[in-house]
C-alpha atoms as a PDB file:
ATOM      1  CA  MET A   1      29.912 -19.537  13.387  1.00  0.00           C
ATOM      2  CA  TYR A   2      29.575 -15.983  14.303  1.00  0.00           C
ATOM      3  CA  THR A   3      31.296 -14.304  16.897  1.00  0.00           C
ATOM      4  CA  LYS A   4      30.074 -12.353  19.805  1.00  0.00           C
ATOM      5  CA  GLN A   5      31.023  -8.791  17.611  1.00  0.00           C
ATOM      6  CA  GLN A   6      28.978 -10.228  14.493  1.00  0.00           C
ATOM      7  CA  LYS A   7      25.966 -10.986  16.748  1.00  0.00           C
ATOM      8  CA  GLN A   8      26.541  -7.049  18.277  1.00  0.00           C
ATOM      9  CA  ALA A   9      26.386  -5.838  14.777  1.00  0.00           C
ATOM     10  CA  ILE A  10      23.318  -8.222  13.733  1.00  0.00           C
ATOM     11  CA  LEU A  11      21.508  -6.947  16.879  1.00  0.00           C
ATOM     12  CA  ALA A  12      22.442  -3.106  15.771  1.00  0.00           C
ATOM     13  CA  THR A  13      21.141  -3.880  12.453  1.00  0.00           C
ATOM     14  CA  TYR A  14      17.772  -5.112  14.128  1.00  0.00           C
ATOM     15  CA  ARG A  15      17.778  -2.065  16.650  1.00  0.00           C
ATOM     16  CA  GLU A  16      18.043   0.636  13.439  1.00  0.00           C
ATOM     17  CA  THR A  17      15.380  -1.556  11.265  1.00  0.00           C
ATOM     18  CA  LEU A  18      12.965  -1.049  14.233  1.00  0.00           C
ATOM     19  CA  GLY A  19      12.900  -4.931  14.782  1.00  0.00           C
ATOM     20  CA  SER A  20      12.448  -5.933  11.047  1.00  0.00           C
ATOM     21  CA  LEU A  21      13.699  -9.635  10.834  1.00  0.00           C
ATOM     22  CA  THR A  22      13.596  -9.490   7.101  1.00  0.00           C
ATOM     23  CA  GLU A  23      16.029  -6.611   6.888  1.00  0.00           C
ATOM     24  CA  THR A  24      18.055  -7.957   9.270  1.00  0.00           C
ATOM     25  CA  CYS A  25      18.867 -10.712   7.722  1.00  0.00           C
ATOM     26  CA  LYS A  26      18.908  -9.836   4.269  1.00  0.00           C
ATOM     27  CA  ALA A  27      21.489  -7.152   5.503  1.00  0.00           C
ATOM     28  CA  HIS A  28      23.903  -9.899   7.175  1.00  0.00           C
ATOM     29  CA  LYS A  29      23.027 -12.976   4.668  1.00  0.00           C
ATOM     30  CA  LEU A  30      21.538 -14.493   7.541  1.00  0.00           C
ATOM     31  CA  SER A  31      18.922 -16.728   7.982  1.00  0.00           C
ATOM     32  CA  ARG A  32      15.710 -16.294   9.782  1.00  0.00           C
ATOM     33  CA  SER A  33      15.908 -19.996  11.276  1.00  0.00           C
ATOM     34  CA  THR A  34      19.626 -18.935  12.556  1.00  0.00           C
ATOM     35  CA  PHE A  35      18.160 -15.745  13.806  1.00  0.00           C
ATOM     36  CA  CYS A  36      15.293 -17.467  15.460  1.00  0.00           C
ATOM     37  CA  GLU A  37      17.548 -20.188  17.074  1.00  0.00           C
ATOM     38  CA  TRP A  38      19.953 -17.640  18.647  1.00  0.00           C
ATOM     39  CA  CYS A  39      16.729 -16.038  20.474  1.00  0.00           C
ATOM     40  CA  LYS A  40      16.056 -19.685  21.346  1.00  0.00           C
ATOM     41  CA  LYS A  41      19.718 -20.904  22.799  1.00  0.00           C
ATOM     42  CA  ASP A  42      21.365 -17.442  23.538  1.00  0.00           C
ATOM     43  CA  PRO A  43      19.854 -15.788  26.704  1.00  0.00           C
ATOM     44  CA  GLU A  44      21.711 -12.354  25.938  1.00  0.00           C
ATOM     45  CA  PHE A  45      20.571 -12.141  22.450  1.00  0.00           C
ATOM     46  CA  ALA A  46      16.928 -12.829  23.051  1.00  0.00           C
ATOM     47  CA  ALA A  47      17.010 -10.313  25.608  1.00  0.00           C
ATOM     48  CA  ALA A  48      18.609  -7.694  23.091  1.00  0.00           C
ATOM     49  CA  VAL A  49      15.561  -8.931  20.998  1.00  0.00           C
ATOM     50  CA  GLU A  50      12.703  -8.434  23.508  1.00  0.00           C
ATOM     51  CA  GLU A  51      14.803  -4.962  24.475  1.00  0.00           C
ATOM     52  CA  THR A  52      14.374  -3.758  20.461  1.00  0.00           C
ATOM     53  CA  LYS A  53      10.467  -4.998  20.421  1.00  0.00           C
ATOM     54  CA  GLU A  54       9.649  -3.136  23.274  1.00  0.00           C
ATOM     55  CA  ALA A  55      11.647   0.173  21.979  1.00  0.00           C
ATOM     56  CA  PHE A  56       9.355  -0.176  18.804  1.00  0.00           C
ATOM     57  CA  LEU A  57       6.057  -0.195  20.998  1.00  0.00           C
ATOM     58  CA  ASP A  58       7.530   2.634  22.969  1.00  0.00           C
ATOM     59  CA  PHE A  59       8.407   4.130  19.135  1.00  0.00           C
ATOM     60  CA  ALA A  60       4.678   3.419  18.449  1.00  0.00           C
ATOM     61  CA  GLU A  61       3.222   4.423  21.410  1.00  0.00           C
ATOM     62  CA  SER A  62       4.723   7.738  21.079  1.00  0.00           C
ATOM     63  CA  ALA A  63       3.935   8.360  17.527  1.00  0.00           C
ATOM     64  CA  LEU A  64       0.401   7.723  18.199  1.00  0.00           C
ATOM     65  CA  VAL A  65       0.161  10.056  21.630  1.00  0.00           C
ATOM     66  CA  GLU A  66       2.161  13.076  19.367  1.00  0.00           C
ATOM     67  CA  ARG A  67      -0.799  12.403  16.719  1.00  0.00           C
ATOM     68  CA  MET A  68      -3.655  12.388  19.407  1.00  0.00           C
ATOM     69  CA  ARG A  69      -1.659  15.802  21.071  1.00  0.00           C
ATOM     70  CA  ALA A  70      -2.523  17.355  17.098  1.00  0.00           C
ATOM     71  CA  GLY A  71      -5.994  16.576  17.147  1.00  0.00           C
ATOM     72  CA  ASP A  72      -5.913  13.933  15.317  1.00  0.00           C
ATOM     73  CA  THR A  73      -9.807  11.928  15.667  1.00  0.00           C
ATOM     74  CA  THR A  74      -8.386   8.806  14.165  1.00  0.00           C
ATOM     75  CA  ALA A  75      -5.773   8.564  16.617  1.00  0.00           C
ATOM     76  CA  ILE A  76      -7.737   9.324  19.767  1.00  0.00           C
ATOM     77  CA  ILE A  77     -10.578   6.867  18.682  1.00  0.00           C
ATOM     78  CA  PHE A  78      -7.942   3.948  18.303  1.00  0.00           C
ATOM     79  CA  ALA A  79      -6.338   4.606  21.664  1.00  0.00           C
ATOM     80  CA  LEU A  80      -9.972   5.068  23.243  1.00  0.00           C
ATOM     81  CA  LYS A  81     -10.940   1.746  21.278  1.00  0.00           C
ATOM     82  CA  THR A  82      -7.558   0.346  22.525  1.00  0.00           C
ATOM     83  CA  ARG A  83      -6.702   1.380  26.033  1.00  0.00           C
ATOM     84  CA  GLY A  84     -10.088   2.336  27.138  1.00  0.00           C
ATOM     85  CA  LYS A  85     -12.401  -0.677  26.417  1.00  0.00           C
ATOM     86  CA  GLN A  86     -13.047  -1.044  30.282  1.00  0.00           C
ATOM     87  CA  ARG A  87     -14.891   2.122  30.253  1.00  0.00           C
ATOM     88  CA  GLY A  88     -16.998   1.308  27.326  1.00  0.00           C
ATOM     89  CA  TRP A  89     -14.932   2.234  24.553  1.00  0.00           C
ATOM     90  CA  SER A  90     -15.289  -1.233  22.067  1.00  0.00           C
ATOM     91  CA  GLU A  91     -17.357  -1.947  18.990  1.00  0.00           C
ATOM     92  CA  LYS A  92     -17.936  -5.546  20.364  1.00  0.00           C
ATOM     93  CA  ALA A  93     -18.894  -7.417  23.506  1.00  0.00           C
ATOM     94  CA  GLU A  94     -15.754  -9.626  24.678  1.00  0.00           C
ATOM     95  CA  LEU A  95     -16.790 -12.968  26.542  1.00  0.00           C
ATOM     96  CA  GLU A  96     -14.658 -14.686  28.621  1.00  0.00           C
ATOM     97  CA  VAL A  97     -15.485 -18.198  28.950  1.00  0.00           C
ATOM     98  CA  ASP A  98     -14.057 -20.702  31.252  1.00  0.00           C
ATOM     99  CA  LEU A  99     -13.618 -24.462  29.541  1.00  0.00           C
ATOM    100  CA  THR A 100     -12.896 -26.180  32.807  1.00  0.00           C
ATOM    101  CA  SER A 101     -15.402 -28.245  34.873  1.00  0.00           C
ATOM    102  CA  LYS A 102     -14.953 -28.727  39.117  1.00  0.00           C
ATOM    103  CA  GLY A 103     -11.040 -27.412  38.379  1.00  0.00           C
ATOM    104  CA  LYS A 104     -10.330 -29.737  35.662  1.00  0.00           C
ATOM    105  CA  PRO A 105      -9.959 -29.628  32.070  1.00  0.00           C
ATOM    106  CA  ILE A 106     -12.850 -30.875  29.698  1.00  0.00           C
ATOM    107  CA  ARG A 107     -11.702 -33.021  27.479  1.00  0.00           C
ATOM    108  CA  TYR A 108     -12.917 -33.489  23.576  1.00  0.00           C
ATOM    109  CA  ALA A 109     -14.073 -37.259  24.516  1.00  0.00           C
ATOM    110  CA  ASP A 110     -16.094 -35.813  27.312  1.00  0.00           C
ATOM    111  CA  ILE A 111     -18.129 -33.187  25.391  1.00  0.00           C
ATOM    112  CA  MET A 112     -18.113 -35.259  22.000  1.00  0.00           C
ATOM    113  CA  PRO A 113     -21.302 -37.805  21.542  1.00  0.00           C
ATOM    114  CA  HIS A 114     -19.629 -41.401  20.948  1.00  0.00           C
ATOM    115  CA  SER A 115     -20.232 -43.042  17.410  1.00  0.00           C
END
């Protein structure tokens, strides 16, 4: 059984590795399944994991913005393709499909021919 202090140390490693589950588990000789189980059963632990994931995204977005400010064309195009889709910055069309019939889900048996 792990103590609250041990879990806090594990979370600190998780933050330091920018959310690398492999590195964190390896550093603490912890199984991935135990880490994942804590995420399911310990709301405080799960919240800290989610906060780390958000911090990772903030870090990556900040790095992308810095590359864009430096004039990196690839970074600019990437940002436009991912965040500028609604303005036409996409190379593929996206299609939204409603798989319901009169507000009810369509069952596989309803659309497949009978043998």
